[in-house]
N, C-alpha and C. Protein backbone atom coordinates (compact mmCIF):
# COMPACT_ATOMS: atom_id res chain seq x y z
N MET A 1 24.75 115.86 29.07
CA MET A 1 25.77 115.59 28.09
C MET A 1 25.69 114.12 27.68
N ILE A 2 25.72 113.89 26.38
CA ILE A 2 25.70 112.53 25.85
C ILE A 2 27.14 112.10 25.57
N VAL A 3 27.48 110.92 26.03
CA VAL A 3 28.82 110.39 25.78
C VAL A 3 28.67 109.16 24.91
N ILE A 4 29.39 109.14 23.80
CA ILE A 4 29.33 107.97 22.93
C ILE A 4 30.51 107.06 23.25
N PRO A 5 30.35 105.78 23.03
CA PRO A 5 31.46 104.86 23.32
C PRO A 5 32.72 105.21 22.53
N ASN A 6 33.86 104.92 23.14
CA ASN A 6 35.13 105.22 22.48
C ASN A 6 35.27 104.54 21.14
N THR A 7 34.73 103.34 21.01
CA THR A 7 34.87 102.63 19.74
C THR A 7 34.18 103.37 18.61
N VAL A 8 33.02 103.93 18.87
CA VAL A 8 32.31 104.70 17.84
C VAL A 8 33.12 105.95 17.50
N GLN A 9 33.60 106.63 18.50
CA GLN A 9 34.38 107.84 18.27
C GLN A 9 35.65 107.50 17.47
N GLU A 10 36.30 106.41 17.80
CA GLU A 10 37.50 106.01 17.08
C GLU A 10 37.19 105.69 15.62
N LYS A 11 36.08 105.05 15.38
CA LYS A 11 35.70 104.72 14.00
C LYS A 11 35.39 105.98 13.20
N ILE A 12 34.71 106.92 13.83
CA ILE A 12 34.41 108.18 13.15
C ILE A 12 35.71 108.92 12.83
N GLN A 13 36.62 108.96 13.78
CA GLN A 13 37.90 109.63 13.54
C GLN A 13 38.68 108.94 12.42
N PHE A 14 38.60 107.62 12.34
CA PHE A 14 39.26 106.89 11.26
C PHE A 14 38.65 107.27 9.92
N ILE A 15 37.32 107.31 9.86
CA ILE A 15 36.64 107.69 8.62
C ILE A 15 37.03 109.10 8.20
N ILE A 16 37.07 110.01 9.16
CA ILE A 16 37.46 111.39 8.86
C ILE A 16 38.90 111.42 8.32
N SER A 17 39.77 110.62 8.89
CA SER A 17 41.17 110.61 8.44
C SER A 17 41.30 110.04 7.03
N ARG A 18 40.38 109.19 6.60
CA ARG A 18 40.44 108.58 5.27
C ARG A 18 39.79 109.46 4.20
N ARG A 19 39.19 110.57 4.58
CA ARG A 19 38.55 111.48 3.62
C ARG A 19 39.53 111.92 2.54
N GLU A 20 40.77 112.10 2.93
CA GLU A 20 41.79 112.58 1.99
C GLU A 20 41.98 111.62 0.82
N VAL A 21 41.69 110.34 1.02
CA VAL A 21 41.79 109.36 -0.07
C VAL A 21 40.84 109.73 -1.20
N LEU A 22 39.61 110.11 -0.85
CA LEU A 22 38.66 110.52 -1.87
C LEU A 22 39.12 111.79 -2.59
N VAL A 23 39.68 112.70 -1.85
CA VAL A 23 40.18 113.93 -2.46
C VAL A 23 41.30 113.59 -3.45
N ASP A 24 42.19 112.69 -3.07
CA ASP A 24 43.27 112.27 -3.96
C ASP A 24 42.74 111.59 -5.22
N ILE A 25 41.71 110.77 -5.05
CA ILE A 25 41.10 110.11 -6.21
C ILE A 25 40.54 111.14 -7.18
N LEU A 26 39.92 112.17 -6.65
CA LEU A 26 39.34 113.21 -7.51
C LEU A 26 40.40 113.98 -8.28
N ASP A 27 41.64 113.96 -7.81
CA ASP A 27 42.72 114.65 -8.51
C ASP A 27 43.23 113.88 -9.74
N ARG A 28 42.81 112.64 -9.87
CA ARG A 28 43.26 111.83 -11.01
C ARG A 28 42.52 112.25 -12.28
N PRO A 29 43.26 112.43 -13.36
CA PRO A 29 42.65 112.93 -14.60
C PRO A 29 41.86 111.87 -15.38
N ASN A 30 42.08 110.59 -15.13
CA ASN A 30 41.49 109.54 -15.96
C ASN A 30 40.32 108.82 -15.29
N LEU A 31 39.55 109.51 -14.49
CA LEU A 31 38.44 108.86 -13.79
C LEU A 31 37.22 108.62 -14.67
N GLY A 32 37.01 109.47 -15.61
CA GLY A 32 35.83 109.34 -16.46
C GLY A 32 34.55 109.44 -15.65
N ALA A 33 33.64 108.49 -15.88
CA ALA A 33 32.34 108.50 -15.21
C ALA A 33 32.47 108.26 -13.70
N LEU A 34 33.57 107.66 -13.26
CA LEU A 34 33.76 107.42 -11.83
C LEU A 34 33.93 108.71 -11.04
N ARG A 35 34.25 109.79 -11.73
CA ARG A 35 34.39 111.09 -11.06
C ARG A 35 33.09 111.46 -10.34
N LEU A 36 31.96 111.19 -11.00
CA LEU A 36 30.66 111.50 -10.38
C LEU A 36 30.47 110.71 -9.09
N ASP A 37 30.83 109.43 -9.12
CA ASP A 37 30.69 108.60 -7.92
C ASP A 37 31.61 109.08 -6.80
N ALA A 38 32.84 109.42 -7.14
CA ALA A 38 33.79 109.89 -6.13
C ALA A 38 33.33 111.23 -5.55
N THR A 39 32.82 112.09 -6.40
CA THR A 39 32.31 113.39 -5.94
C THR A 39 31.13 113.19 -4.99
N GLN A 40 30.22 112.32 -5.37
CA GLN A 40 29.05 112.06 -4.53
C GLN A 40 29.47 111.43 -3.20
N ALA A 41 30.41 110.51 -3.24
CA ALA A 41 30.89 109.88 -2.01
C ALA A 41 31.50 110.91 -1.08
N LEU A 42 32.29 111.83 -1.63
CA LEU A 42 32.92 112.88 -0.83
C LEU A 42 31.86 113.80 -0.22
N GLU A 43 30.86 114.17 -1.01
CA GLU A 43 29.80 115.03 -0.50
C GLU A 43 29.03 114.35 0.64
N GLU A 44 28.72 113.08 0.45
CA GLU A 44 27.98 112.35 1.48
C GLU A 44 28.83 112.16 2.74
N LEU A 45 30.09 111.90 2.56
CA LEU A 45 30.99 111.77 3.71
C LEU A 45 31.06 113.08 4.48
N ASP A 46 31.17 114.19 3.77
CA ASP A 46 31.21 115.50 4.43
C ASP A 46 29.91 115.77 5.20
N GLU A 47 28.78 115.36 4.62
CA GLU A 47 27.50 115.52 5.32
C GLU A 47 27.46 114.69 6.61
N LEU A 48 27.94 113.46 6.52
CA LEU A 48 27.96 112.60 7.71
C LEU A 48 28.87 113.15 8.79
N ILE A 49 30.00 113.69 8.39
CA ILE A 49 30.93 114.29 9.35
C ILE A 49 30.27 115.49 10.03
N GLN A 50 29.60 116.31 9.24
CA GLN A 50 28.91 117.48 9.80
C GLN A 50 27.81 117.06 10.77
N GLU A 51 27.06 116.03 10.41
CA GLU A 51 26.00 115.54 11.30
C GLU A 51 26.58 115.00 12.60
N PHE A 52 27.70 114.31 12.52
CA PHE A 52 28.35 113.81 13.73
C PHE A 52 28.78 114.98 14.61
N ILE A 53 29.39 115.99 14.02
CA ILE A 53 29.85 117.15 14.78
C ILE A 53 28.68 117.89 15.42
N MET A 54 27.58 118.02 14.69
CA MET A 54 26.41 118.70 15.24
C MET A 54 25.76 117.88 16.35
N THR A 55 25.77 116.57 16.22
CA THR A 55 25.12 115.70 17.20
C THR A 55 25.97 115.52 18.45
N PHE A 56 27.28 115.40 18.27
CA PHE A 56 28.20 115.17 19.40
C PHE A 56 29.33 116.20 19.36
N PRO A 57 29.02 117.47 19.62
CA PRO A 57 30.07 118.50 19.49
C PRO A 57 31.25 118.28 20.44
N GLU A 58 30.99 117.77 21.64
CA GLU A 58 32.08 117.56 22.59
C GLU A 58 33.02 116.46 22.13
N GLU A 59 32.48 115.47 21.43
CA GLU A 59 33.27 114.31 21.01
C GLU A 59 34.06 114.60 19.73
N SER A 60 33.74 115.69 19.05
CA SER A 60 34.34 115.98 17.74
C SER A 60 35.64 116.75 17.85
N GLN A 61 36.01 117.16 19.02
CA GLN A 61 37.18 118.02 19.17
C GLN A 61 38.44 117.22 19.20
């Protein structure tokens, strides 16, 4: 079993908790071209979260 330091786990949990900010930004009607950037950022964040969960399943709970 691989154990990651608490600081890394805390930072990942903080990033996961801030995901909702991107979702809220995407709900704004006046984003224009920034919508593409926000969408891409959300997709990449979701990929990173999935990779973290797959790499450290015990730490993701």
